Amino acid sequence: MKWFLVVLSCLALAGCGHSPPTQFYVLSPAPTKQTAAAPEVPHVIVSNVNVPASLDRRSVVLRTSADQIEVSEQARWAAPLDGMIRRVLAADLAQRIGRDKVVAPGDPVPAGPSRAVALNLQDFVGTRQGEVTLDGDWSLLDDKQRVLQTRHVHLTRQVEANNIGAIAAALSDMLGTVSDQIAAALSAR
């Protein structure tokens, strides 16, 4: 009987100490003020998104210093980060140049001229102090995967400190800014 009470007490104490619930975050398309591009814009495929392996995790990563990151125990991305970025970039471009011009990830590519967009991120992260950074290069490629244009982009935003939701929203907004640049480049071609 004594042994049973000890085991029961241990189980009761173990049930009292629980960790905070896991929070899941997503990236979302950013609204645009631009009108859709001219009809002569070819079909656009978001073909490739590269994210550094140190950031491409299910857990949200925060930069704590130039050479250190923090991997969150409770804050997680709802889906793989590179796939979310690709989906949001395609949705952002569809708003900017027309839904009929953007091939969503996984959809068949229609016949006719097309352009591919590749995004290579070196930094896509926030800090506990609320500084959010997107740093990378995007490229436009032709039907034969030849690079037509490459542009470096470095964006920073300041959001509320220790607010992962605000960091995710800022990263989404930054992808919208990158989409604005890509849409402008497509319209100029």
Protein backbone atom coordinates (compact mmCIF):
# COMPACT_ATOMS: atom_id res chain seq x y z
CA MET A 1 0.00 0.00 0.00
CA LYS A 2 2.83 2.34 0.91
CA TRP A 3 4.49 1.68 -2.45
CA PHE A 4 1.24 2.43 -4.28
CA LEU A 5 0.94 5.84 -2.53
CA VAL A 6 4.52 6.74 -3.48
CA VAL A 7 3.89 5.86 -7.16
CA LEU A 8 0.58 7.74 -7.14
CA SER A 9 2.28 10.82 -5.61
CA CYS A 10 5.01 10.74 -8.25
CA LEU A 11 2.47 10.51 -11.05
CA ALA A 12 0.49 13.41 -9.60
CA LEU A 13 3.62 15.57 -9.37
CA ALA A 14 4.65 14.66 -12.92
CA GLY A 15 1.24 15.78 -14.20
CA CYS A 16 1.59 19.18 -12.53
CA GLY A 17 4.72 20.20 -14.41
CA HIS A 18 3.91 20.66 -18.06
CA SER A 19 5.50 22.81 -20.73
CA PRO A 20 3.69 25.70 -22.44
CA PRO A 21 1.64 24.71 -25.49
CA THR A 22 3.27 24.67 -28.90
CA GLN A 23 2.33 27.61 -31.12
CA PHE A 24 2.25 27.14 -34.91
CA TYR A 25 2.99 29.96 -37.37
CA VAL A 26 2.45 30.39 -41.11
CA LEU A 27 3.58 32.83 -43.75
CA SER A 28 0.76 34.59 -45.62
CA PRO A 29 0.48 36.43 -48.93
CA ALA A 30 0.92 40.18 -48.55
CA PRO A 31 -1.69 42.53 -50.05
CA THR A 32 -0.53 44.73 -52.89
CA LYS A 33 -1.32 48.22 -54.10
CA GLN A 34 -0.07 47.41 -57.60
CA THR A 35 -2.40 46.60 -60.46
CA ALA A 36 -1.95 43.42 -62.47
CA ALA A 37 0.76 43.55 -65.12
CA ALA A 38 0.19 43.81 -68.86
CA PRO A 39 -1.28 40.69 -70.53
CA GLU A 40 1.97 40.01 -72.42
CA VAL A 41 3.67 38.80 -69.23
CA PRO A 42 4.49 35.10 -69.79
CA HIS A 43 3.51 32.35 -67.38
CA VAL A 44 5.61 32.46 -64.22
CA ILE A 45 6.75 29.46 -62.20
CA VAL A 46 8.31 29.78 -58.74
CA SER A 47 10.80 27.04 -59.44
CA ASN A 48 13.23 27.08 -56.58
CA VAL A 49 13.54 28.49 -53.06
CA ASN A 50 16.73 27.91 -51.08
CA VAL A 51 16.88 28.59 -47.34
CA PRO A 52 20.02 28.01 -45.25
CA ALA A 53 19.80 24.65 -43.45
CA SER A 54 20.34 26.41 -40.11
CA LEU A 55 17.03 28.26 -40.62
CA ASP A 56 15.03 25.68 -42.60
CA ARG A 57 13.57 23.82 -39.63
CA ARG A 58 10.11 23.09 -38.27
CA SER A 59 11.02 25.09 -35.15
CA VAL A 60 11.17 28.86 -35.48
CA VAL A 61 14.78 30.05 -35.36
CA LEU A 62 15.80 33.39 -33.85
CA ARG A 63 19.22 34.97 -34.29
CA THR A 64 20.79 35.81 -30.93
CA SER A 65 24.12 37.12 -32.26
CA ALA A 66 26.18 37.13 -35.45
CA ASP A 67 27.32 33.58 -34.74
CA GLN A 68 24.51 32.10 -32.65
CA ILE A 69 20.88 31.10 -33.14
CA GLU A 70 18.10 29.99 -30.80
CA VAL A 71 15.83 27.15 -31.89
CA SER A 72 12.45 27.61 -30.19
CA GLU A 73 10.92 24.78 -28.19
CA GLN A 74 7.33 26.10 -28.46
CA ALA A 75 7.22 28.17 -31.69
CA ARG A 76 7.01 26.06 -34.84
CA TRP A 77 6.29 26.60 -38.51
CA ALA A 78 3.07 24.87 -39.55
CA ALA A 79 4.78 23.45 -42.67
CA PRO A 80 8.33 23.19 -44.05
CA LEU A 81 9.69 26.73 -44.39
CA ASP A 82 11.01 26.46 -47.96
CA GLY A 83 7.66 25.13 -49.21
CA MET A 84 5.73 27.85 -47.38
CA ILE A 85 7.96 30.54 -48.88
CA ARG A 86 7.46 29.08 -52.37
CA ARG A 87 3.66 28.93 -51.95
CA VAL A 88 3.46 32.49 -50.57
CA LEU A 89 5.75 33.89 -53.26
CA ALA A 90 3.54 32.28 -55.94
CA ALA A 91 0.38 33.69 -54.30
CA ASP A 92 1.97 37.15 -53.99
CA LEU A 93 2.97 37.10 -57.67
CA ALA A 94 -0.52 35.97 -58.68
CA GLN A 95 -1.95 39.06 -56.98
CA ARG A 96 0.53 41.29 -58.77
CA ILE A 97 0.55 39.94 -62.33
CA GLY A 98 -2.70 37.97 -62.53
CA ARG A 99 -3.76 34.55 -61.29
CA ASP A 100 -3.87 33.15 -64.81
CA LYS A 101 -0.17 34.00 -65.28
CA VAL A 102 1.30 32.21 -62.22
CA VAL A 103 1.73 28.46 -62.08
CA ALA A 104 1.15 27.31 -58.51
CA PRO A 105 3.65 24.82 -57.05
CA GLY A 106 2.77 21.36 -58.30
CA ASP A 107 0.52 22.53 -61.16
CA PRO A 108 1.34 21.53 -64.75
CA VAL A 109 3.14 24.15 -66.81
CA PRO A 110 1.01 25.43 -69.70
CA ALA A 111 2.32 25.52 -73.24
CA GLY A 112 3.88 28.74 -74.43
CA PRO A 113 6.53 31.08 -73.12
CA SER A 114 7.27 31.06 -69.44
CA ARG A 115 9.65 32.52 -66.90
CA ALA A 116 10.94 30.87 -63.76
CA VAL A 117 11.68 32.62 -60.50
CA ALA A 118 14.38 31.35 -58.16
CA LEU A 119 14.89 32.75 -54.66
CA ASN A 120 18.11 32.11 -52.76
CA LEU A 121 17.89 33.36 -49.18
CA GLN A 122 20.96 33.86 -47.01
CA ASP A 123 18.95 35.25 -44.08
CA PHE A 124 15.23 35.00 -43.27
CA VAL A 125 15.04 35.45 -39.52
CA GLY A 126 14.05 37.60 -36.57
CA THR A 127 15.58 38.32 -33.18
CA ARG A 128 14.12 38.48 -29.66
CA GLN A 129 14.62 42.26 -29.89
CA GLY A 130 12.22 42.37 -32.85
CA GLU A 131 14.63 43.00 -35.73
CA VAL A 132 13.57 40.99 -38.78
CA THR A 133 15.82 40.45 -41.81
CA LEU A 134 15.37 39.07 -45.31
CA ASP A 135 18.61 38.93 -47.28
CA GLY A 136 19.05 37.09 -50.55
CA ASP A 137 18.93 37.09 -54.31
CA TRP A 138 16.12 36.44 -56.74
CA SER A 139 16.58 35.51 -60.38
CA LEU A 140 14.38 35.40 -63.45
CA LEU A 141 15.12 32.54 -65.83
CA ASP A 142 13.90 31.84 -69.36
CA ASP A 143 12.42 28.60 -70.75
CA LYS A 144 15.89 27.10 -71.04
CA GLN A 145 16.82 28.00 -67.45
CA ARG A 146 19.16 30.81 -68.57
CA VAL A 147 19.39 33.67 -66.10
CA LEU A 148 17.78 36.82 -67.50
CA GLN A 149 18.14 38.98 -64.40
CA THR A 150 19.38 38.64 -60.83
CA ARG A 151 18.82 41.12 -58.06
CA HIS A 152 20.06 41.24 -54.49
CA VAL A 153 17.54 42.25 -51.84
CA HIS A 154 18.19 43.20 -48.23
CA LEU A 155 15.19 44.16 -46.12
CA THR A 156 14.88 44.83 -42.41
CA ARG A 157 11.91 45.65 -40.20
CA GLN A 158 11.52 46.39 -36.53
CA VAL A 159 8.58 44.73 -34.76
CA GLU A 160 7.48 44.22 -31.17
CA ALA A 161 10.19 42.43 -29.16
CA ASN A 162 9.58 38.77 -28.23
CA ASN A 163 6.58 38.50 -30.56
CA ILE A 164 6.99 35.53 -32.92
CA GLY A 165 3.65 36.31 -34.62
CA ALA A 166 4.88 39.80 -35.47
CA ILE A 167 8.12 38.33 -36.84
CA ALA A 168 6.17 35.90 -39.06
CA ALA A 169 3.95 38.77 -40.30
CA ALA A 170 7.03 40.90 -41.10
CA LEU A 171 8.63 38.01 -43.02
CA SER A 172 5.39 37.63 -45.00
CA ASP A 173 5.38 41.36 -45.75
CA MET A 174 9.00 41.19 -46.90
CA LEU A 175 8.12 38.38 -49.33
CA GLY A 176 5.44 40.74 -50.67
CA THR A 177 8.13 43.38 -51.27
CA VAL A 178 10.27 40.82 -53.13
CA SER A 179 7.18 39.92 -55.21
CA ASP A 180 6.70 43.61 -56.04
CA GLN A 181 10.26 43.73 -57.38
CA ILE A 182 9.82 40.55 -59.42
CA ALA A 183 6.48 41.73 -60.85
CA ALA A 184 8.06 45.05 -61.89
CA ALA A 185 10.92 43.21 -63.59
CA LEU A 186 8.48 40.94 -65.44
CA SER A 187 6.43 43.91 -66.61
CA ALA A 188 9.55 45.67 -67.90
CA ARG A 189 10.59 42.70 -70.08
